[in-house]
Amino acid sequence: MRFAYWSRELAGWALIGIGLWQFWNTYGLISNRRIFEAGPSAFIAFIIFRSGLHLLKVAVAAQAARSLPEGAQPATRKASRMAVKSVAPTPTKSVVPGPRSRAASANGAAN
């Protein structure tokens, strides 16, 4: 397992180095006024550099997770809720779901 951490770490640093090298090539293209070639090159450099940063973050997270005790569980709190008071204009007990026909309300049915 220890090898997996170091392989991610080394791959992350390698990708950061390749990304920086690609940024340097992009700078050379811009210096030679090759603007159209520099755009895709900068995009590729950005993606490679960000990939290296992500691998480094994953490697550090794996190392931190490995240092936790075996049975460690996060402390969870019970969510407390405030008492809910209706602010609606009509009380909820008097609301009947669905439409009521005029004939039913005239006969006093379905209260």
Protein backbone atom coordinates (compact mmCIF):
# COMPACT_ATOMS: atom_id res chain seq x y z
CA MET A 1 0.00 0.00 0.00
CA ARG A 2 2.85 2.35 0.69
CA PHE A 3 3.96 2.07 -2.93
CA ALA A 4 0.58 3.37 -4.15
CA TYR A 5 1.04 6.59 -2.18
CA TRP A 6 4.52 7.21 -3.52
CA SER A 7 3.54 6.35 -7.08
CA ARG A 8 0.76 8.95 -6.96
CA GLU A 9 3.14 11.46 -5.44
CA LEU A 10 5.80 10.91 -8.10
CA ALA A 11 3.26 10.90 -10.94
CA GLY A 12 1.81 14.17 -9.62
CA TRP A 13 5.20 15.86 -9.53
CA ALA A 14 6.03 14.51 -12.99
CA LEU A 15 2.78 15.90 -14.42
CA ILE A 16 3.43 19.28 -12.78
CA GLY A 17 6.90 19.32 -14.35
CA ILE A 18 5.54 18.38 -17.78
CA GLY A 19 2.85 21.04 -17.44
CA LEU A 20 5.40 23.71 -16.56
CA TRP A 21 7.58 22.62 -19.48
CA GLN A 22 4.55 22.92 -21.78
CA PHE A 23 3.87 26.42 -20.41
CA TRP A 24 7.49 27.29 -21.25
CA ASN A 25 6.93 26.03 -24.81
CA THR A 26 3.77 28.12 -24.98
CA TYR A 27 5.77 31.17 -23.91
CA GLY A 28 8.26 30.42 -26.70
CA LEU A 29 5.42 30.24 -29.24
CA ILE A 30 4.01 33.56 -28.04
CA SER A 31 7.48 35.14 -28.18
CA ASN A 32 7.76 34.09 -31.83
CA ARG A 33 4.32 35.61 -32.56
CA ARG A 34 2.68 32.23 -33.21
CA ILE A 35 -0.54 33.09 -31.43
CA PHE A 36 -2.78 30.45 -33.03
CA GLU A 37 -0.41 27.63 -32.08
CA ALA A 38 -0.02 28.99 -28.54
CA GLY A 39 -3.74 28.73 -27.68
CA PRO A 40 -4.08 24.92 -27.82
CA SER A 41 -0.64 24.55 -26.29
CA ALA A 42 -1.67 26.67 -23.29
CA PHE A 43 -4.86 24.66 -22.89
CA ILE A 44 -2.94 21.38 -22.93
CA ALA A 45 -0.43 22.75 -20.41
CA PHE A 46 -3.26 23.86 -18.12
CA ILE A 47 -4.91 20.42 -18.19
CA ILE A 48 -1.64 18.58 -17.52
CA PHE A 49 -0.68 20.96 -14.69
CA ARG A 50 -4.09 20.65 -13.03
CA SER A 51 -3.93 16.86 -13.32
CA GLY A 52 -0.64 16.90 -11.44
CA LEU A 53 -2.09 19.07 -8.70
CA HIS A 54 -5.04 16.72 -8.37
CA LEU A 55 -2.78 13.67 -8.05
CA LEU A 56 -0.80 15.42 -5.32
CA LYS A 57 -4.01 16.21 -3.42
CA VAL A 58 -5.13 12.59 -3.70
CA ALA A 59 -1.74 11.35 -2.46
CA VAL A 60 -1.85 13.64 0.57
CA ALA A 61 -5.43 12.59 1.34
CA ALA A 62 -4.43 8.92 1.12
CA GLN A 63 -1.55 9.50 3.49
CA ALA A 64 -3.83 11.31 5.95
CA ALA A 65 -6.44 8.55 5.75
CA ARG A 66 -3.79 5.92 6.36
CA SER A 67 -2.75 7.61 9.59
CA LEU A 68 -6.25 7.37 11.09
CA PRO A 69 -6.98 4.63 13.62
CA GLU A 70 -8.61 1.50 12.20
CA GLY A 71 -12.05 1.90 13.80
CA ALA A 72 -12.25 5.67 13.57
CA GLN A 73 -15.70 6.88 12.66
CA PRO A 74 -16.69 10.51 12.30
CA ALA A 75 -18.65 11.96 15.17
CA THR A 76 -22.18 12.54 13.97
CA ARG A 77 -24.63 14.85 15.59
CA LYS A 78 -28.34 14.39 15.65
CA ALA A 79 -29.92 17.13 13.61
CA SER A 80 -32.17 19.24 15.77
CA ARG A 81 -35.19 20.83 14.22
CA MET A 82 -36.98 23.91 15.36
CA ALA A 83 -40.68 23.72 15.99
CA VAL A 84 -42.50 24.52 12.79
CA LYS A 85 -45.34 26.97 12.96
CA SER A 86 -47.48 27.50 9.91
CA VAL A 87 -47.46 30.97 8.42
CA ALA A 88 -49.98 30.10 5.72
CA PRO A 89 -53.20 32.14 5.52
CA THR A 90 -55.39 29.02 5.63
CA PRO A 91 -55.12 26.44 8.44
CA THR A 92 -53.91 23.10 7.15
CA LYS A 93 -56.86 21.15 8.63
CA SER A 94 -59.40 23.02 6.53
CA VAL A 95 -57.60 22.43 3.23
CA VAL A 96 -59.06 19.53 1.26
CA PRO A 97 -56.92 18.17 -1.54
CA GLY A 98 -58.46 18.20 -4.98
CA PRO A 99 -61.32 20.23 -6.43
CA ARG A 100 -64.76 20.27 -4.82
CA SER A 101 -67.89 20.38 -6.90
CA ARG A 102 -70.59 22.95 -6.19
CA ALA A 103 -73.18 20.22 -5.73
CA ALA A 104 -71.16 18.51 -3.03
CA SER A 105 -70.57 21.74 -1.12
CA ALA A 106 -74.27 22.69 -1.40
CA ASN A 107 -75.34 19.36 0.11
CA GLY A 108 -72.73 19.65 2.88
CA ALA A 109 -70.97 16.45 1.89
CA ALA A 110 -67.31 15.61 2.21
CA ASN A 111 -66.25 17.80 5.11
